[in-house]
Structures are given as structure tokens and as C-alpha cells.
Amino acid sequence: MTTKKGRGGRKKVIVDYDTLDKLCAIHCTGEEIASILGINYDTLSKALKREQKLSFPEYYKKKNASGRMSLRRMQMKVAL
């Protein structure tokens, strides 16, 4: 997480989307993800709305699908 100075008020949080996507893929909760990124969950939600035009649950649903596929792949491998 980094910040950048806006015109006034608080500094805007810049989300590390690579880390966020990886954490979504391994099914971390929103609170866990925010904690790892060093920000508040509400701050993460607001940044996603501002930058991605998605709520956290919408973004999470898109990104955790790859984690589900990996899990199923590993389960099939163990079952066979």
C-alpha cells in the first residue's frame, strides 16, 4: 500500500492489485486482505469503488474464481 497526495484532505490509498488478486484467489476475507495491505476494510472498499467501479464483494467474486478452479484441479489430482 502506498499513498499519494490529492488536492486536499487525506492522501489517497493506492492498492497493490497484484497482492489483492492473489489474496482473493486463496479465499482470504476482506478484513484479512485489508489487514495484509495495511489499510482499513472500508478504505479498501472505497478504493475499489473509485478505481475499479466495483464493490468489494463484486471484485472478490471475479477474482476468487481462479482460486476455486485451482482447488478443484488439485482435488481431482488427489482423487485420481
Protein backbone atom coordinates (compact mmCIF):
# COMPACT_ATOMS: atom_id res chain seq x y z
CA MET A 1 0.00 0.00 0.00
CA THR A 2 1.19 3.47 -0.84
CA THR A 3 -0.44 6.84 -0.73
CA LYS A 4 -0.40 9.85 -2.97
CA LYS A 5 -1.32 13.39 -2.19
CA GLY A 6 -4.57 14.66 -3.65
CA ARG A 7 -5.67 18.26 -3.91
CA GLY A 8 -6.64 18.39 -0.29
CA GLY A 9 -7.73 16.27 2.59
CA ARG A 10 -6.37 12.81 3.18
CA LYS A 11 -3.88 11.07 0.96
CA LYS A 12 -5.44 8.57 -1.43
CA VAL A 13 -4.52 4.94 -0.90
CA ILE A 14 -3.02 3.11 -3.88
CA VAL A 15 -3.99 -0.55 -3.71
CA ASP A 16 -1.49 -3.26 -4.68
CA TYR A 17 -3.80 -5.14 -7.07
CA ASP A 18 -1.37 -7.99 -7.66
CA THR A 19 -1.35 -8.83 -3.95
CA LEU A 20 -5.10 -8.21 -3.67
CA ASP A 21 -5.82 -10.62 -6.54
CA LYS A 22 -3.61 -13.32 -5.03
CA LEU A 23 -5.30 -12.98 -1.64
CA CYS A 24 -8.74 -13.20 -3.27
CA ALA A 25 -7.64 -16.35 -5.10
CA ILE A 26 -6.77 -18.09 -1.81
CA HIS A 27 -10.12 -17.01 -0.33
CA CYS A 28 -8.90 -14.59 2.34
CA THR A 29 -11.69 -12.50 3.87
CA GLY A 30 -12.00 -8.80 3.15
CA GLU A 31 -10.81 -7.96 6.64
CA GLU A 32 -7.78 -10.25 6.28
CA ILE A 33 -6.91 -8.72 2.92
CA ALA A 34 -7.21 -5.18 4.25
CA SER A 35 -5.03 -6.07 7.23
CA ILE A 36 -2.32 -7.58 5.00
CA LEU A 37 -2.43 -4.49 2.77
CA GLY A 38 -2.12 -2.31 5.87
CA ILE A 39 -5.40 -0.48 5.40
CA ASN A 40 -8.91 -0.49 6.81
CA TYR A 41 -11.58 -2.62 5.08
CA ASP A 42 -13.70 0.49 4.44
CA THR A 43 -10.70 2.19 2.80
CA LEU A 44 -10.19 -0.85 0.56
CA SER A 45 -13.88 -0.84 -0.40
CA LYS A 46 -13.81 2.88 -1.22
CA ALA A 47 -10.64 2.49 -3.31
CA LEU A 48 -12.22 -0.35 -5.31
CA LYS A 49 -15.35 1.72 -5.92
CA ARG A 50 -13.24 4.70 -7.02
CA GLU A 51 -10.70 2.83 -9.17
CA GLN A 52 -12.50 -0.32 -10.39
CA LYS A 53 -16.13 0.83 -10.22
CA LEU A 54 -16.92 -2.36 -8.25
CA SER A 55 -17.85 -3.07 -4.66
CA PHE A 56 -15.52 -5.35 -2.72
CA PRO A 57 -17.91 -8.34 -2.97
CA GLU A 58 -18.20 -7.85 -6.75
CA TYR A 59 -14.42 -7.60 -7.18
CA TYR A 60 -13.83 -10.55 -4.85
CA LYS A 61 -16.29 -12.74 -6.75
CA LYS A 62 -14.46 -12.04 -10.03
CA LYS A 63 -11.02 -12.75 -8.60
CA ASN A 64 -11.63 -15.76 -6.37
CA ALA A 65 -12.90 -17.88 -9.27
CA SER A 66 -9.31 -18.73 -10.23
CA GLY A 67 -8.72 -19.97 -6.69
CA ARG A 68 -11.77 -22.24 -6.89
CA MET A 69 -10.53 -23.68 -10.19
CA SER A 70 -7.08 -24.36 -8.71
CA LEU A 71 -8.65 -26.05 -5.70
CA ARG A 72 -10.84 -28.28 -7.88
CA ARG A 73 -7.85 -29.16 -10.06
CA MET A 74 -5.86 -30.25 -7.01
CA GLN A 75 -8.81 -32.21 -5.61
CA MET A 76 -9.17 -34.09 -8.90
CA LYS A 77 -5.46 -34.80 -8.96
CA VAL A 78 -5.60 -36.28 -5.43
CA ALA A 79 -8.78 -38.25 -6.22
CA LEU A 80 -7.23 -39.86 -9.29
